[in-house]
Every structure is written in C-alpha cells, then in structure tokens.
Protein backbone atom coordinates (compact mmCIF):
# COMPACT_ATOMS: atom_id res chain seq x y z
CA MET A 1 -142.91 206.40 -17.10
CA VAL A 2 -145.36 205.75 -14.50
CA ASP A 3 -144.93 202.36 -12.72
CA LEU A 4 -146.81 199.43 -14.12
CA ASN A 5 -148.02 196.49 -12.91
CA ILE A 6 -147.54 194.55 -16.40
CA GLN A 7 -143.65 192.94 -17.34
CA LEU A 8 -142.70 194.59 -20.55
CA PRO A 9 -140.30 192.85 -22.82
CA GLU A 10 -136.64 194.63 -23.04
CA HIS A 11 -136.81 197.39 -25.73
CA PHE A 12 -140.50 197.36 -25.98
CA LEU A 13 -140.66 201.24 -25.27
CA GLU A 14 -137.98 201.81 -27.88
CA GLY A 15 -138.96 203.28 -31.27
CA GLU A 16 -139.53 201.00 -33.96
CA VAL A 17 -140.64 201.04 -37.76
CA ARG A 18 -143.75 198.27 -38.63
CA CYS A 19 -145.20 197.89 -42.35
CA GLY A 20 -143.53 201.33 -43.26
CA TYR A 21 -144.78 203.25 -40.16
CA TYR A 22 -142.12 204.26 -37.03
CA ILE A 23 -143.85 204.21 -34.23
CA ALA A 24 -142.19 206.72 -31.74
CA PRO A 25 -141.36 205.93 -28.11
CA ALA A 26 -144.22 208.64 -26.83
CA MET A 27 -146.89 206.11 -28.53
CA LYS A 28 -144.96 202.89 -26.97
CA LYS A 29 -145.36 204.30 -23.80
CA GLY A 30 -149.32 204.53 -24.16
CA TRP A 31 -149.52 201.29 -25.52
CA ALA A 32 -147.89 200.12 -22.26
CA VAL A 33 -150.21 202.09 -19.69
CA GLU A 34 -152.65 200.85 -22.15
CA MET A 35 -152.13 197.26 -22.36
CA ASP A 36 -151.57 197.65 -17.80
CA LEU A 37 -155.21 199.09 -17.89
CA LEU A 38 -156.38 196.01 -20.28
CA MET A 39 -154.96 193.53 -18.16
CA GLU A 40 -156.49 195.38 -14.67
CA LEU A 41 -159.81 195.20 -16.35
CA ASP A 42 -159.12 191.33 -17.60
CA ARG A 43 -158.34 190.69 -13.56
CA VAL A 44 -161.44 192.05 -12.10
CA CYS A 45 -163.83 190.56 -15.38
CA ARG A 46 -162.00 187.26 -14.05
CA LYS A 47 -162.50 187.69 -10.53
CA TYR A 48 -166.33 188.46 -11.04
CA ASN A 49 -167.01 186.56 -13.85
CA ILE A 50 -167.87 188.96 -16.38
CA THR A 51 -167.21 188.34 -20.27
CA TYR A 52 -165.90 190.72 -22.05
CA PHE A 53 -164.03 190.95 -25.44
CA VAL A 54 -161.32 193.57 -27.28
CA ALA A 55 -163.51 195.18 -30.33
CA GLU A 56 -163.00 197.32 -33.32
CA GLY A 57 -159.54 198.51 -34.25
CA THR A 58 -158.11 196.35 -31.21
CA ILE A 59 -160.07 193.16 -32.75
CA LEU A 60 -158.17 194.12 -36.15
CA GLY A 61 -154.93 194.64 -35.23
CA ALA A 62 -154.78 191.17 -33.16
CA ALA A 63 -156.34 189.53 -36.34
CA ARG A 64 -154.01 191.41 -39.03
CA HIS A 65 -151.25 192.78 -37.22
CA GLN A 66 -150.98 190.62 -33.41
CA GLY A 67 -150.73 193.49 -31.68
CA PHE A 68 -151.32 197.14 -32.07
CA ILE A 69 -152.03 198.63 -35.94
CA PRO A 70 -149.17 200.97 -35.99
CA TRP A 71 -150.74 203.80 -36.58
CA ASP A 72 -153.57 203.53 -33.68
CA ASP A 73 -153.73 205.07 -30.39
CA ASP A 74 -155.99 203.24 -28.16
CA ILE A 75 -157.84 200.03 -26.92
CA ASP A 76 -161.31 199.17 -27.08
CA CYS A 77 -163.38 196.71 -25.38
CA CYS A 78 -166.84 195.62 -25.62
CA MET A 79 -169.50 193.51 -23.50
CA THR A 80 -173.15 192.74 -23.43
CA ARG A 81 -175.58 194.56 -21.28
CA GLU A 82 -176.16 192.28 -19.03
CA GLU A 83 -171.98 191.91 -18.26
CA TYR A 84 -171.62 195.56 -18.68
CA ASN A 85 -174.13 196.06 -15.34
CA LYS A 86 -172.73 193.52 -13.84
CA LEU A 87 -169.07 195.45 -13.81
CA CYS A 88 -170.47 198.92 -13.53
CA LYS A 89 -172.01 197.35 -10.21
CA VAL A 90 -168.31 196.28 -8.84
CA GLY A 91 -166.08 198.80 -10.86
CA PRO A 92 -166.38 201.50 -8.73
CA LYS A 93 -165.15 199.70 -5.37
CA ALA A 94 -163.23 196.89 -7.52
CA PHE A 95 -160.54 199.09 -9.31
CA LYS A 96 -158.15 200.77 -6.73
CA HIS A 97 -156.02 203.97 -7.40
CA PRO A 98 -154.42 204.64 -9.68
CA TYR A 99 -156.90 202.85 -11.62
CA PHE A 100 -159.82 204.86 -12.14
CA PHE A 101 -163.44 203.31 -13.67
CA GLN A 102 -165.04 206.16 -15.51
CA THR A 103 -168.92 206.30 -16.23
CA GLU A 104 -171.36 209.24 -16.18
CA TYR A 105 -172.12 207.99 -12.59
CA THR A 106 -168.86 207.52 -11.15
CA ASP A 107 -167.63 211.33 -12.95
CA PRO A 108 -170.28 213.24 -13.71
CA GLY A 109 -170.14 215.07 -16.75
CA SER A 110 -167.47 212.69 -18.66
CA ILE A 111 -171.33 211.25 -20.18
CA ARG A 112 -169.25 209.22 -22.78
CA GLY A 113 -171.97 206.73 -23.68
CA HIS A 114 -169.81 203.90 -22.40
CA ALA A 115 -167.39 202.98 -20.02
CA GLN A 116 -163.34 203.80 -19.51
CA LEU A 117 -160.79 202.48 -17.89
CA ARG A 118 -158.00 205.34 -16.55
CA HIS A 119 -154.76 205.89 -15.33
CA SER A 120 -155.06 208.56 -12.75
CA LEU A 121 -151.18 209.41 -12.84
CA THR A 122 -151.19 209.86 -16.68
CA THR A 123 -152.91 211.99 -19.26
CA GLY A 124 -155.27 211.14 -22.28
CA MET A 125 -156.74 214.21 -23.45
CA LEU A 126 -158.92 214.23 -26.68
CA LYS A 127 -157.65 217.14 -28.93
CA ASN A 128 -160.90 218.57 -29.06
CA GLU A 129 -161.44 218.58 -25.15
CA ILE A 130 -158.27 220.11 -24.05
CA PRO A 131 -159.31 223.64 -24.39
CA PHE A 132 -162.09 223.46 -21.91
CA LYS A 133 -159.70 222.13 -19.02
CA TYR A 134 -163.12 219.93 -17.94
CA LYS A 135 -162.69 218.89 -14.46
CA PHE A 136 -163.27 214.76 -15.07
CA ASN A 137 -160.63 212.31 -15.10
CA GLN A 138 -158.74 212.47 -18.05
CA GLY A 139 -155.78 210.13 -17.54
CA VAL A 140 -154.53 207.34 -20.28
CA PHE A 141 -157.57 205.18 -21.49
CA ILE A 142 -159.33 202.33 -22.73
CA ASP A 143 -162.47 202.16 -23.86
CA ILE A 144 -165.36 199.71 -22.79
CA PHE A 145 -168.35 199.97 -25.16
CA VAL A 146 -171.65 198.50 -24.30
CA LEU A 147 -173.46 195.85 -26.64
CA ASP A 148 -177.50 195.81 -26.81
CA HIS A 149 -179.63 194.44 -29.31
CA VAL A 150 -181.24 196.26 -32.50
CA THR A 151 -184.38 195.29 -33.19
CA ASP A 152 -185.00 193.45 -36.64
CA ASP A 153 -188.29 196.10 -37.22
CA GLU A 154 -186.93 199.06 -39.30
CA ALA A 155 -189.88 200.90 -38.10
CA LEU A 156 -188.89 200.52 -34.40
CA PHE A 157 -185.59 201.25 -34.65
CA GLU A 158 -185.88 204.66 -36.33
CA ALA A 159 -188.80 205.27 -33.86
CA GLN A 160 -186.54 204.10 -30.91
CA LYS A 161 -183.72 206.28 -32.33
CA ALA A 162 -185.66 209.45 -32.54
CA ARG A 163 -186.54 208.85 -28.93
CA CYS A 164 -182.78 208.46 -28.07
CA THR A 165 -181.58 211.45 -29.81
CA LYS A 166 -184.19 213.90 -27.96
CA LEU A 167 -182.83 212.52 -24.58
CA ARG A 168 -179.04 212.78 -26.04
CA ASP A 169 -179.61 216.79 -27.03
CA GLU A 170 -181.30 217.05 -23.27
CA PHE A 171 -178.43 215.42 -21.33
CA TYR A 172 -175.51 217.48 -23.65
CA ARG A 173 -177.66 220.82 -22.92
CA ALA A 174 -177.86 220.08 -19.24
CA ALA A 175 -174.12 219.31 -19.07
CA HIS A 176 -173.16 222.27 -20.82
CA MET A 177 -174.94 224.02 -17.96
CA THR A 178 -173.30 222.19 -14.98
CA THR A 179 -170.50 219.73 -14.86
CA ARG A 180 -168.89 220.31 -18.41
CA PHE A 181 -169.59 224.10 -18.26
CA SER A 182 -166.64 226.10 -19.53
CA PRO A 183 -165.43 229.63 -18.66
CA VAL A 184 -165.97 232.10 -21.65
CA SER A 185 -163.48 235.35 -22.01
CA ASN A 186 -166.76 238.18 -21.18
CA PRO A 187 -166.22 238.35 -16.69
CA ILE A 188 -170.08 239.31 -16.95
CA LYS A 189 -171.50 235.81 -19.04
CA ASN A 190 -168.41 233.93 -17.18
CA ALA A 191 -170.13 234.63 -13.54
CA GLY A 192 -173.57 234.05 -15.02
CA LYS A 193 -172.48 230.43 -16.46
CA ARG A 194 -171.16 230.11 -12.35
CA LEU A 195 -174.02 231.33 -11.09
CA VAL A 196 -176.42 228.44 -13.13
CA HIS A 197 -174.14 225.98 -12.54
CA SER A 198 -174.24 226.48 -8.89
CA LEU A 199 -177.94 226.32 -9.01
CA LEU A 200 -178.04 223.46 -11.18
CA THR A 201 -175.80 221.48 -9.20
CA GLY A 202 -177.29 222.59 -6.01
CA PRO A 203 -180.85 223.29 -5.30
CA LEU A 204 -182.11 222.39 -8.40
CA LYS A 205 -180.18 219.33 -9.35
CA ASN A 206 -183.28 217.15 -9.73
CA VAL A 207 -184.92 219.25 -11.89
CA TYR A 208 -182.67 219.43 -14.87
CA ASN A 209 -179.35 217.33 -15.02
CA GLU A 210 -177.57 215.54 -17.07
CA THR A 211 -177.90 211.95 -15.32
CA LYS A 212 -181.40 211.98 -15.25
CA TYR A 213 -181.65 212.34 -18.99
CA TYR A 214 -178.70 210.30 -19.49
CA ARG A 215 -180.35 207.11 -17.33
CA ALA A 216 -183.36 207.54 -19.77
CA TYR A 217 -181.15 207.67 -22.77
CA GLU A 218 -179.67 204.36 -21.65
CA LYS A 219 -182.64 203.04 -20.74
CA GLU A 220 -184.47 203.51 -23.88
CA TRP A 221 -181.42 201.72 -26.05
CA GLN A 222 -181.99 198.71 -23.66
CA ARG A 223 -185.89 198.01 -24.72
CA TYR A 224 -185.06 195.16 -26.98
CA ASN A 225 -182.52 193.18 -25.46
CA LYS A 226 -184.79 190.82 -24.21
CA GLU A 227 -185.42 189.80 -27.75
CA GLU A 228 -182.86 187.07 -30.14
CA THR A 229 -182.22 189.98 -33.07
CA LYS A 230 -179.61 189.79 -36.23
CA TYR A 231 -177.47 192.74 -35.21
CA MET A 232 -176.21 193.80 -32.03
CA SER A 233 -174.65 197.34 -31.22
CA PHE A 234 -172.67 200.09 -29.36
CA LEU A 235 -176.11 201.80 -29.13
CA SER A 236 -175.78 204.03 -26.53
CA TYR A 237 -171.92 205.46 -27.84
CA SER A 238 -172.93 205.84 -31.33
CA ASN A 239 -176.73 207.07 -30.73
CA GLY A 240 -177.54 204.06 -33.38
CA HIS A 241 -175.24 204.76 -36.14
CA LYS A 242 -175.52 201.73 -38.51
CA ARG A 243 -172.00 201.58 -39.03
CA ASN A 244 -171.49 200.17 -35.47
CA PHE A 245 -173.80 197.38 -36.22
CA ARG A 246 -172.35 193.49 -35.96
CA ARG A 247 -173.90 190.24 -36.29
CA SER A 248 -175.13 188.88 -32.55
CA THR A 249 -173.92 185.11 -34.00
CA CYS A 250 -170.50 186.55 -33.43
CA PHE A 251 -170.47 187.17 -29.75
CA ASP A 252 -171.31 183.42 -29.50
CA GLY A 253 -168.22 182.64 -27.66
CA VAL A 254 -164.51 183.80 -26.73
CA VAL A 255 -161.22 182.81 -28.33
CA TYR A 256 -157.90 184.42 -27.53
CA LEU A 257 -155.67 186.06 -30.18
CA ASP A 258 -151.87 186.99 -29.53
CA PHE A 259 -151.65 190.78 -28.77
CA GLU A 260 -147.95 192.25 -28.74
CA PHE A 261 -146.98 189.93 -25.71
CA LEU A 262 -150.54 189.32 -24.50
CA LYS A 263 -153.32 187.04 -25.23
CA VAL A 264 -156.59 188.98 -25.57
CA PRO A 265 -160.19 187.40 -25.76
CA VAL A 266 -161.64 188.47 -29.21
CA PRO A 267 -165.71 187.03 -30.44
CA ALA A 268 -165.80 183.36 -31.50
CA GLY A 269 -166.95 185.13 -34.56
CA TYR A 270 -164.30 187.72 -35.29
CA VAL A 271 -163.94 187.02 -38.89
CA ASP A 272 -167.79 187.77 -39.19
CA TYR A 273 -167.40 190.60 -36.77
CA LEU A 274 -164.25 191.98 -38.90
CA ASP A 275 -166.02 191.37 -42.17
CA ASP A 276 -169.56 193.50 -40.74
CA ALA A 277 -167.01 196.46 -39.84
CA TYR A 278 -164.07 196.93 -42.50
CA GLY A 279 -164.80 194.72 -45.44
CA ASN A 280 -161.88 193.65 -47.12
CA TRP A 281 -160.16 193.86 -43.61
CA HIS A 282 -156.56 192.09 -44.73
CA GLU A 283 -155.72 195.14 -47.09
CA PHE A 284 -154.93 198.16 -45.13
CA VAL A 285 -154.43 202.17 -45.85
CA LEU A 286 -151.37 203.39 -43.91
CA ASN A 287 -152.07 205.96 -41.10
CA THR A 288 -155.92 206.06 -41.15
CA GLN A 289 -157.60 206.68 -37.72
CA ILE A 290 -160.98 207.35 -36.47
CA HIS A 291 -159.50 209.57 -33.73
CA SER A 292 -159.20 213.51 -33.76
CA GLY A 293 -155.76 212.68 -32.10
CA ILE A 294 -155.20 211.56 -28.60
CA PHE A 295 -152.51 213.63 -26.52
CA MET A 296 -150.65 211.37 -23.89
CA ASP A 297 -148.19 211.89 -21.55
CA CYS A 298 -147.31 209.00 -19.26
CA ASP A 299 -145.20 210.80 -17.01
CA HIS A 300 -147.35 213.27 -15.74
CA PRO A 301 -150.75 213.45 -14.53
CA TYR A 302 -153.79 215.17 -16.28
CA THR A 303 -154.55 217.24 -13.47
CA ASP A 304 -150.94 218.80 -14.27
CA TYR A 305 -152.84 220.13 -17.56
CA ILE A 306 -156.04 221.35 -16.12
CA GLU A 307 -154.55 223.08 -13.23
CA GLY A 308 -152.06 224.90 -15.78
CA LYS A 309 -148.97 223.45 -13.98
CA ARG A 310 -148.13 221.99 -17.54
CA GLU A 311 -148.37 223.12 -21.33
CA VAL A 312 -149.59 220.50 -24.29
CA VAL A 313 -146.60 220.28 -26.40
CA TRP A 314 -147.52 217.40 -29.03
CA PRO A 315 -144.64 215.20 -29.44
CA ASP A 316 -144.12 212.73 -32.41
CA TYR A 317 -145.97 209.74 -31.73
CA GLY A 318 -145.16 208.29 -35.15
CA HIS A 319 -145.24 208.95 -39.11
CA LEU A 320 -144.80 207.29 -42.06
CA VAL A 321 -141.63 206.45 -43.26
CA GLN A 322 -142.04 204.14 -46.90
CA GLU A 323 -144.21 205.33 -49.08
CA THR A 324 -144.65 201.57 -50.76
CA ALA A 325 -145.33 200.04 -47.45
CA ARG A 326 -148.90 198.98 -48.33
CA GLU A 327 -147.58 197.11 -51.60
CA GLU A 328 -144.61 195.57 -49.80
CA ALA A 329 -146.60 194.64 -46.72
C-alpha cells in the first residue's frame, strides 16, 4: 500500500460486509487512495478559495450510507465552470508528485471531458482501456466534473448539442491518429500509424490535433453560462445527455455530510439533486454500477502495466453475500 497523507482508522483496510455486500480489502485500498486524493483536492481548493462539491454516487453514498455505496468504486466531484477554470489555472503547480492534475491540456490524449486527480504511484485503469496501454497517467483517480448552464430554449440546446457532437467527433478522430493511437498487429499498418503519429504531433500539430477541437468543444458548451437557467449539467463530460441535468438552485450553497471518517461538501440542495438523479434514492438495488470496471492496484504504479512489467489480474473487489439484503436493509 502506498503512503497516504490521511490517517486511516484502525482496521479500515480489512474486508467487511455492508448491506449484504462483502467489500474486499482490495476495494478498501482503492477507497483509501481515493479519499486521500479527495483530501488533497480539498486542501488545494481551500488554499485558493475554490468551491467544489462531491457529486453523483458520492452524494448518494454520503446521504444514504454515510460513506461509499458498498459496491461503488470511485469518488465524483463537481464545480461550476468559473471555479473549474480557477482550479485548472493553479492545478498543474498546486498538486505535487505523486498527485497529478489531469486534463487534456496537462496530459494530451486523456480527453475525458472533465478533470481527474490521480495518484501516480498507483494503478487505476478503466477495463475497456487496458488493452491499449495508453501513455497518459493512469493512477487511481477521482473525477472532477464541470457544471455549465443549460439553455432553457430546447431548440437552441439541440443546435448547441449538434455543434458539440461534430466537434467531439473531430477531436476523437484526431486523437486516435495521434496521442491515443495504439499499435496494430499488422507491422505495415503499425508503421503507417507511427508515421501519421509523428507528423501530427510534429510539423502538422497546429493543423489537425485533438486539443484544437477539444478547446472549441469546451468553449461551445459554455455559451449560456452568463444566463440564469433552470438546469446545469456536466455538458462537456456527457455531451449534453439529459440524465445529467440538475436544478441550478441545488448549487446555491454548501453543506457537509459524513462520509466514512471524513466530512465532505455537498450542494445545499442535495435532496433535490438526488431526486433529479435517482428518483426514489432511499431504496437501492445491490451491485449496480455505471462503470465497466476499474482495475486498481494500490501497491504498484500504472507504468508497470503499460511497460509490460506486470500483467492485469483482477482481484476480488467484493460480492453479494446475502440475497435478502435489500429487504432487510
């Protein structure tokens, strides 16, 4: 286990059963690193007077479980575009190794549509990305989503979304030819891709590159941020998907809720937030995650896996142990 800047309660890393679900030590290690990352984000945000909230499943976990949802594997945060821009300005220097503030501009090719704070001495790789051995930082992470205003005019929103979809297609197309390119088995095709890669990251880098289109994409989603609108959303992350719309009034203040052994900031209107996001959020269905899976190794850096020094072997992160847990909870 890597060294952390937070003090873990005694026995925290041991496996345990919550709500009929067994949380294995491997997941507890991941949780510990993620909470350490959250406290590092909190430190920087306090220093630079930046307002942030935990988001999505992390709010749900705080409100319903006073900690992680037992079968969840990550921490989500969010902030308004204004606050996000402040963080992006100071982040590259404010976070010191082993912490790494990752955006498309600090680590070209990651193109997430949001920022991530990572621990560089660990591994946190998305299951669907493991085969490609991407070169960008893939330490254990927390997500930092950015909130933009959604215009109340449906026709304007659809036109905005169409423009952004075209820009998104362009930056993904460019990225797959440059920083995100992956080797192919055919040596001739592989050599061709490497040639294209060298050209598009060298003499042609200002002609066709993902950062150019990504910057335009982000700018387009900010079009209505000076308006007072009913909804805000993680537009650059979800490309305008309505499931991520949240009432703007939710974010009019900050309150703190218990989360494991920490206190975390949530929107003052977190009940409305959860109603919008999950409906009847007091009830739950066991082992429902939005992720395709995150491989976490809190003992070894991601570079070991990219360079072929280690092979991915999925540990037991947890499993259902009680079929009637939902009714008894």
